[in-house]
Protein backbone atom coordinates (compact mmCIF):
# COMPACT_ATOMS: atom_id res chain seq x y z
CA MET A 1 17.84 41.59 63.86
CA ALA A 2 17.29 40.91 60.18
CA THR A 3 17.54 37.38 58.86
CA THR A 4 18.63 36.32 55.59
CA THR A 5 17.40 33.46 53.65
CA PRO A 6 19.78 31.22 52.08
CA GLN A 7 19.81 31.49 48.33
CA HIS A 8 19.55 28.07 46.62
CA THR A 9 20.92 27.98 43.11
CA VAL A 10 18.94 25.51 41.04
CA GLU A 11 21.22 23.60 38.66
CA GLY A 12 20.99 24.91 35.18
CA SER A 13 19.83 28.41 36.41
CA GLY A 14 21.71 31.55 37.08
CA PRO A 15 23.37 34.09 34.87
CA GLY A 16 25.78 31.70 33.28
CA ALA A 17 23.30 28.88 32.64
CA PRO A 18 22.20 28.14 29.19
CA ARG A 19 18.59 29.27 27.98
CA PRO A 20 15.61 26.96 28.17
CA GLY A 21 16.06 26.35 24.59
CA GLY A 22 19.34 24.66 25.16
CA SER A 23 22.47 25.38 23.29
CA GLY A 24 22.61 25.61 19.39
CA PRO A 25 23.63 22.08 18.68
CA ALA A 26 21.13 20.66 21.15
CA ARG A 27 18.40 22.75 19.36
CA ILE A 28 19.39 21.49 15.96
CA ALA A 29 19.55 17.87 17.22
CA ARG A 30 16.10 18.23 18.65
CA ARG A 31 14.74 19.54 15.38
CA LEU A 32 16.39 16.89 13.37
CA ARG A 33 15.09 14.13 15.63
CA ILE A 34 12.78 11.90 13.70
CA ASP A 35 9.29 11.09 15.05
CA ARG A 36 9.27 7.34 16.00
CA ARG A 37 6.18 6.91 13.72
CA TYR A 38 8.26 7.83 10.78
CA LEU A 39 11.23 5.61 11.37
CA PRO A 40 9.74 2.63 9.48
CA VAL A 41 9.07 4.86 6.41
CA VAL A 42 12.58 6.43 6.64
CA GLY A 43 14.06 2.81 6.76
CA THR A 44 12.09 2.03 3.65
CA PHE A 45 13.41 5.08 1.88
CA VAL A 46 17.00 4.10 2.91
CA VAL A 47 16.52 0.58 1.57
CA LEU A 48 15.21 1.97 -1.84
CA ALA A 49 18.04 4.45 -2.13
CA LEU A 50 20.63 1.58 -1.50
CA ILE A 51 19.11 -0.57 -4.16
CA LEU A 52 19.19 2.30 -6.64
CA ALA A 53 22.80 3.02 -5.69
CA ILE A 54 23.81 -0.62 -6.03
CA GLY A 55 21.95 -1.05 -9.14
CA GLY A 56 23.47 2.17 -10.62
CA VAL A 57 27.07 1.09 -9.80
CA ARG A 58 26.51 -2.51 -11.08
CA TYR A 59 24.45 -2.11 -14.10
CA ASP A 60 24.73 0.27 -17.11
CA ASN A 61 21.53 2.44 -17.54
CA PHE A 62 20.03 1.13 -14.33
CA LEU A 63 19.34 4.69 -13.10
CA SER A 64 17.83 5.78 -16.49
CA VAL A 65 14.49 7.62 -16.68
CA GLY A 66 13.07 4.84 -18.71
CA VAL A 67 13.90 2.07 -16.01
CA LEU A 68 12.33 4.31 -13.35
CA ALA A 69 9.28 4.98 -15.52
CA ASN A 70 8.83 1.17 -16.21
CA LEU A 71 8.89 0.58 -12.49
CA PHE A 72 5.52 2.37 -12.09
CA ILE A 73 4.12 1.12 -15.24
CA ASN A 74 4.83 -2.60 -14.41
CA ASN A 75 3.65 -2.11 -10.89
CA SER A 76 0.68 0.28 -11.19
CA PHE A 77 -2.03 -2.43 -10.33
CA LEU A 78 0.08 -3.56 -7.23
CA ILE A 79 0.35 -0.05 -6.12
CA VAL A 80 -3.41 0.39 -6.14
CA LEU A 81 -3.68 -2.98 -4.47
CA ALA A 82 -1.29 -1.94 -1.62
CA VAL A 83 -3.07 1.43 -1.23
CA GLY A 84 -6.48 -0.47 -0.42
CA MET A 85 -4.45 -2.88 1.78
CA THR A 86 -3.17 -0.01 3.73
CA PHE A 87 -6.66 0.99 5.02
CA VAL A 88 -7.48 -2.39 6.24
CA ILE A 89 -4.15 -3.05 7.99
CA LEU A 90 -4.35 0.47 9.64
CA THR A 91 -7.47 -0.75 11.42
CA GLY A 92 -5.69 -4.00 12.67
CA GLY A 93 -7.35 -6.25 9.90
CA ILE A 94 -6.16 -8.24 7.02
CA ASP A 95 -7.45 -8.84 3.37
CA LEU A 96 -6.58 -12.15 1.90
CA SER A 97 -9.16 -11.74 -0.92
CA VAL A 98 -7.60 -9.00 -2.87
CA GLY A 99 -5.56 -11.14 -5.27
CA ALA A 100 -8.53 -13.30 -6.33
CA VAL A 101 -10.76 -10.18 -6.50
CA LEU A 102 -8.23 -8.74 -8.99
CA ALA A 103 -8.24 -11.90 -11.05
CA LEU A 104 -12.18 -11.86 -11.02
CA SER A 105 -12.12 -8.28 -12.12
CA ALA A 106 -9.72 -8.89 -14.95
CA VAL A 107 -11.54 -12.05 -16.05
CA SER A 108 -15.00 -10.32 -15.87
CA ALA A 109 -13.79 -7.50 -18.03
CA ALA A 110 -12.46 -9.95 -20.69
CA TYR A 111 -15.47 -12.04 -20.65
CA LEU A 112 -17.91 -8.95 -20.99
CA ILE A 113 -16.00 -7.23 -23.57
CA ASP A 114 -15.73 -10.58 -25.55
CA ALA A 115 -19.49 -10.95 -25.28
CA GLY A 116 -19.91 -7.44 -26.84
CA VAL A 117 -20.78 -5.36 -23.92
CA PRO A 118 -19.69 -1.74 -24.39
CA VAL A 119 -16.42 -0.84 -22.77
CA ALA A 120 -18.14 2.15 -21.04
CA VAL A 121 -20.30 -0.21 -19.26
CA VAL A 122 -17.48 -2.77 -18.50
CA LEU A 123 -15.06 -0.45 -16.99
CA PRO A 124 -17.38 0.83 -13.95
CA ALA A 125 -18.92 -2.64 -13.75
CA VAL A 126 -15.77 -4.64 -12.93
CA VAL A 127 -14.63 -2.03 -10.33
CA LEU A 128 -18.24 -2.46 -8.83
CA ILE A 129 -17.72 -6.20 -8.48
CA GLY A 130 -14.76 -5.50 -6.08
CA SER A 131 -16.61 -2.95 -4.07
CA ILE A 132 -19.55 -5.45 -3.62
CA ILE A 133 -17.32 -8.31 -2.37
CA GLY A 134 -15.40 -5.76 -0.17
CA LEU A 135 -18.76 -4.71 1.25
CA LEU A 136 -20.02 -8.52 1.86
CA ILE A 137 -16.70 -9.22 3.61
CA GLY A 138 -16.94 -5.81 5.72
CA LEU A 139 -20.49 -6.82 6.86
CA MET A 140 -19.17 -10.31 7.93
CA VAL A 141 -16.40 -8.75 9.98
CA HIS A 142 -18.61 -6.20 11.59
CA VAL A 143 -22.13 -7.62 11.88
CA PHE A 144 -21.30 -11.20 12.27
CA GLU A 145 -18.07 -10.52 14.25
CA VAL A 146 -16.14 -13.05 11.84
CA GLN A 147 -12.27 -12.68 12.28
CA PRO A 148 -10.91 -10.72 9.20
CA PHE A 149 -8.69 -13.73 8.32
CA ILE A 150 -11.54 -16.03 8.01
CA ALA A 151 -13.90 -13.54 6.33
CA THR A 152 -11.26 -12.59 3.69
CA LEU A 153 -10.29 -16.17 3.23
CA ALA A 154 -13.84 -16.99 2.29
CA GLY A 155 -13.94 -14.13 0.01
CA MET A 156 -10.75 -15.35 -1.60
CA PHE A 157 -12.12 -18.98 -2.34
CA PHE A 158 -15.48 -17.39 -3.36
CA ALA A 159 -13.71 -14.97 -6.05
CA ARG A 160 -11.28 -17.51 -7.25
CA GLY A 161 -13.97 -20.15 -7.82
CA LEU A 162 -16.10 -17.61 -9.91
CA CYS A 163 -12.94 -16.91 -12.06
CA PHE A 164 -12.85 -20.54 -13.14
CA VAL A 165 -16.63 -20.68 -13.57
CA ILE A 166 -16.58 -17.54 -15.74
CA ALA A 167 -13.28 -18.40 -17.74
CA PRO A 168 -11.86 -21.84 -17.50
CA GLU A 169 -9.29 -20.68 -20.26
CA SER A 170 -7.51 -17.55 -20.99
CA ILE A 171 -9.64 -14.84 -22.89
CA PRO A 172 -7.77 -12.30 -25.00
CA ILE A 173 -9.06 -8.68 -25.28
CA THR A 174 -8.96 -7.34 -28.70
CA ASP A 175 -11.72 -4.69 -28.65
CA GLU A 176 -10.24 -1.56 -30.25
CA THR A 177 -11.53 0.89 -27.67
CA PHE A 178 -10.22 -1.11 -24.62
CA VAL A 179 -6.72 -1.47 -26.43
CA ALA A 180 -6.63 2.27 -27.25
CA ILE A 181 -7.39 3.05 -23.54
CA ALA A 182 -4.77 0.49 -22.39
CA GLY A 183 -2.12 1.59 -24.86
CA TRP A 184 -2.56 5.53 -24.44
CA ASP A 185 0.52 7.20 -23.14
CA THR A 186 2.19 10.50 -22.94
CA TRP A 187 5.83 11.87 -22.43
CA ILE A 188 6.86 14.25 -19.65
CA ALA A 189 9.51 16.38 -20.73
CA GLY A 190 10.26 14.04 -23.63
CA GLN A 191 11.69 11.27 -21.14
CA TRP A 192 9.16 10.25 -18.46
CA ARG A 193 6.53 7.82 -19.97
CA MET A 194 2.98 8.22 -18.57
CA THR A 195 0.38 5.61 -19.36
CA THR A 196 -3.23 5.29 -18.41
CA SER A 197 -2.53 2.80 -15.75
CA VAL A 198 0.04 5.06 -14.07
CA ILE A 199 -2.25 8.14 -14.08
CA VAL A 200 -5.06 6.03 -12.43
CA ALA A 201 -2.53 4.63 -9.72
CA LEU A 202 -1.40 8.32 -9.06
CA VAL A 203 -5.02 9.57 -8.78
CA VAL A 204 -5.84 6.61 -6.29
CA ILE A 205 -2.74 7.45 -4.23
CA GLY A 206 -3.78 11.12 -4.02
CA ILE A 207 -7.40 10.35 -2.99
CA ALA A 208 -6.06 7.82 -0.34
CA PHE A 209 -3.76 10.17 1.04
CA TYR A 210 -6.47 12.87 1.25
CA LEU A 211 -8.87 10.53 2.96
CA LEU A 212 -6.36 9.42 5.53
CA HIS A 213 -4.91 12.60 6.52
CA PHE A 214 -7.51 15.17 5.99
CA THR A 215 -10.77 13.74 6.73
CA GLN A 216 -12.75 12.52 9.86
CA PHE A 217 -13.00 8.95 8.32
CA GLY A 218 -9.12 8.84 8.13
CA ARG A 219 -8.77 9.86 11.87
CA THR A 220 -11.15 7.20 12.74
CA VAL A 221 -9.26 4.63 10.84
CA TYR A 222 -6.19 5.39 12.70
CA ALA A 223 -8.21 5.58 15.92
CA ILE A 224 -9.63 2.14 15.38
CA GLY A 225 -6.22 0.70 14.78
CA GLY A 226 -4.81 2.23 18.00
CA SER A 227 -7.77 1.05 20.05
CA GLU A 228 -11.12 0.17 18.87
CA GLN A 229 -12.71 0.63 22.37
CA SER A 230 -11.24 3.90 22.83
CA ALA A 231 -12.67 4.88 19.31
CA ARG A 232 -16.12 3.83 20.41
CA LEU A 233 -15.87 5.84 23.65
CA MET A 234 -14.82 8.92 21.66
CA GLY A 235 -18.10 8.43 19.71
CA LEU A 236 -16.45 7.93 16.46
CA PRO A 237 -18.34 5.92 13.75
CA VAL A 238 -16.32 2.73 14.15
CA ALA A 239 -18.94 0.29 12.53
CA ARG A 240 -19.28 2.32 9.47
CA THR A 241 -15.62 2.87 9.15
CA LYS A 242 -14.69 -0.80 9.58
CA VAL A 243 -17.12 -1.87 6.82
CA LEU A 244 -15.84 0.95 4.54
CA VAL A 245 -12.11 0.00 4.71
CA TYR A 246 -12.98 -3.49 3.32
CA VAL A 247 -15.16 -1.61 0.61
CA ILE A 248 -12.08 0.48 -0.09
CA SER A 249 -9.90 -2.52 -0.38
CA GLY A 250 -12.32 -4.46 -2.51
CA THR A 251 -12.71 -1.46 -4.86
CA CYS A 252 -8.95 -0.84 -5.12
CA ALA A 253 -8.68 -4.77 -5.97
CA GLY A 254 -11.37 -4.40 -8.58
CA LEU A 255 -9.61 -1.31 -10.10
CA GLY A 256 -6.36 -3.34 -9.97
CA GLY A 257 -7.83 -6.08 -11.92
CA LEU A 258 -8.82 -3.53 -14.53
CA LEU A 259 -5.41 -2.24 -14.63
CA PHE A 260 -3.91 -5.65 -14.78
CA ALA A 261 -6.36 -6.53 -17.86
CA MET A 262 -4.97 -3.35 -19.54
CA TYR A 263 -1.37 -4.58 -18.92
CA SER A 264 -1.94 -8.04 -19.98
CA ARG A 265 -4.63 -7.41 -22.53
CA SER A 266 -6.43 -10.73 -21.44
CA GLY A 267 -8.33 -12.34 -18.56
CA TYR A 268 -6.98 -15.41 -16.96
CA SER A 269 -8.24 -17.46 -13.95
CA LEU A 270 -4.94 -17.92 -12.30
CA THR A 271 -3.90 -14.22 -12.49
CA GLY A 272 -3.08 -12.70 -8.97
CA VAL A 273 -2.30 -15.97 -7.30
CA ALA A 274 -0.52 -14.80 -4.06
CA MET A 275 -0.68 -11.27 -5.06
CA GLU A 276 -2.37 -10.44 -1.72
CA LEU A 277 0.90 -11.51 -0.19
CA ASP A 278 2.93 -9.21 -2.33
CA ALA A 279 0.53 -6.40 -1.35
CA ILE A 280 0.79 -7.08 2.48
CA ALA A 281 4.52 -7.38 2.16
CA ALA A 282 4.71 -4.01 0.40
CA VAL A 283 2.54 -2.44 3.09
CA VAL A 284 4.66 -3.84 5.84
CA ILE A 285 7.89 -2.92 4.22
CA GLY A 286 6.50 0.41 3.85
CA GLY A 287 6.08 0.91 7.54
CA THR A 288 2.61 0.14 8.29
CA LEU A 289 2.17 -1.80 11.66
CA LEU A 290 0.44 -5.11 11.32
CA THR A 291 -1.33 -4.31 14.53
CA GLY A 292 -2.85 -1.05 13.15
CA GLY A 293 -2.74 2.53 14.13
CA THR A 294 0.53 3.59 12.29
CA GLY A 295 1.28 3.77 8.77
CA PHE A 296 1.23 5.91 5.61
CA VAL A 297 0.04 5.32 2.07
CA LEU A 298 3.11 6.77 0.60
CA GLY A 299 5.08 4.38 2.64
CA SER A 300 3.24 1.51 0.90
CA VAL A 301 4.00 3.03 -2.42
CA LEU A 302 7.72 3.00 -1.51
CA GLY A 303 7.13 -0.63 -0.46
CA VAL A 304 5.83 -1.56 -3.82
CA LEU A 305 8.91 0.45 -5.42
CA VAL A 306 11.35 -1.69 -3.42
CA LEU A 307 9.62 -4.98 -4.44
CA GLY A 308 9.88 -3.88 -8.15
CA LEU A 309 13.33 -2.72 -7.84
CA ILE A 310 14.40 -6.07 -6.47
CA GLN A 311 12.65 -7.64 -9.33
CA THR A 312 14.48 -5.44 -11.79
CA ILE A 313 17.89 -6.23 -10.24
CA ILE A 314 17.23 -9.94 -10.62
CA THR A 315 16.17 -9.42 -14.31
CA TYR A 316 19.49 -7.19 -14.86
CA GLU A 317 21.47 -9.91 -13.36
CA GLY A 318 20.41 -12.68 -15.61
CA THR A 319 22.04 -15.46 -13.91
CA LEU A 320 19.78 -15.63 -10.75
CA SER A 321 16.55 -17.58 -10.54
CA SER A 322 13.40 -15.39 -10.10
CA TRP A 323 12.76 -17.19 -7.01
CA TRP A 324 15.51 -15.01 -5.43
CA THR A 325 13.09 -12.21 -5.57
CA LYS A 326 10.94 -14.10 -2.97
CA ILE A 327 13.96 -14.71 -0.89
CA PHE A 328 15.13 -11.09 -0.70
CA ILE A 329 11.56 -10.02 -0.11
CA GLY A 330 11.23 -12.46 2.78
CA VAL A 331 14.48 -11.28 4.41
CA LEU A 332 13.34 -7.68 3.98
CA LEU A 333 9.92 -8.43 5.49
CA LEU A 334 11.49 -10.12 8.38
CA VAL A 335 13.76 -7.14 9.08
CA PHE A 336 10.88 -4.58 8.97
CA VAL A 337 8.71 -6.81 11.24
CA VAL A 338 11.43 -6.97 13.69
CA LEU A 339 12.10 -3.23 13.47
CA GLN A 340 8.35 -2.64 14.20
CA ARG A 341 8.53 -4.93 17.18
CA VAL A 342 11.45 -3.06 18.49
CA LEU A 343 9.79 0.19 18.08
CA SER A 344 6.52 -0.87 19.64
CA LEU A 345 8.45 -2.19 22.73
CA ARG A 346 10.32 1.15 22.97
CA LYS A 347 7.03 2.86 22.88
CA THR A 348 5.78 0.93 25.86
C-alpha cells in the first residue's frame, strides 16, 4: 500500500506567497534605508539645511550667493584644519596642537617675509614647520607610547611658546607678492567668488577624500580606529600609519596658518587660541566618532559650514553677544555626541 508523506507548507512559501524580494513598498523601503554609518552625516546635513532655512526666512539676502561664498572664504583655514583632524580622530587619537601650530606657521611667515626671505621660499617652509611638529608628535605617540592627549598637549605648549619668542607683537605682512597671492580671486558664473584660500581648501579636501577612500593608507586608518589589534593581525602598516596621520594633521595646521596669514595679512602670537577645539567640534558635528573607525572628510567640511553659519546668524542678528556662538556650538556638540553614543549602543 502506498504511503503519502504529509506536505508541510512553509510560511511565506507557496503559489500565493510574495517573492523573496518582498513587496514593492518593502523593496523601496530597504533601498531607502540609510546605512547607520551615514546617519550622523545626514544629521549634520539636516542641521545645515535647517539653519539655512531659518536664516533665509528671518534675514534678507541670507541665502544670497555672496553670503555662501564668504562662508567658504572666511572658514577656509578651519576647513583645512578640520580635514587634518579627521585623520587623527579616525584612528582614535586627538590633536590639541593644531591651533598653536597654525599660529606658529602664520607668525613664521610674517617674520620671514619681514626679514626679506623670498615668498617662494617662505610658503613651503612654513608648511614644513607643521609637518615636522606633526612628525615629532607621531613618533612620541608610536615609539614612546605617549598618550595622544599628552603628546599633542606638549606640542601645543611648544608651538605657542615659539610664537612668543619669534614675535612678541603682531607683524604686518606688506610684501607685494604675498599680498597679490592672498588677494587673488576669480568669479564663477559672475556670482560665486573664489579666492586662493578657497581653492587651496578644495584641493586639500579632494586629496584627503582620495586618500581615505581609494588607498590602502585610508583603509588602514579606518582599520586602526576600528581595532588596532585587529589591524596588526591583518598585517597592515599600523606603525607607519599612526605616525603619518599626525604628520598630515601637522601639515594641514601649517597650511592653515599660511591661509590665516593670507586672510589677516599679519602674524600674531595669540592667533588660533582654542581653534583646535573648533576643529574637533566641526569633526564631531560632521559625524566622525571620537572613538575612531567611522567618519568622513566631507562630513567634517559640513561641520565647519554649520559653525560658520551659526556665526553668520549671530552677526545678522546684531543684538546677540558673540558668545552665543559658543553656546549653540556646545549644544550641537552635545547632541551629536549623544547621537553617536546611541548609534554605537545599537550597533552592539
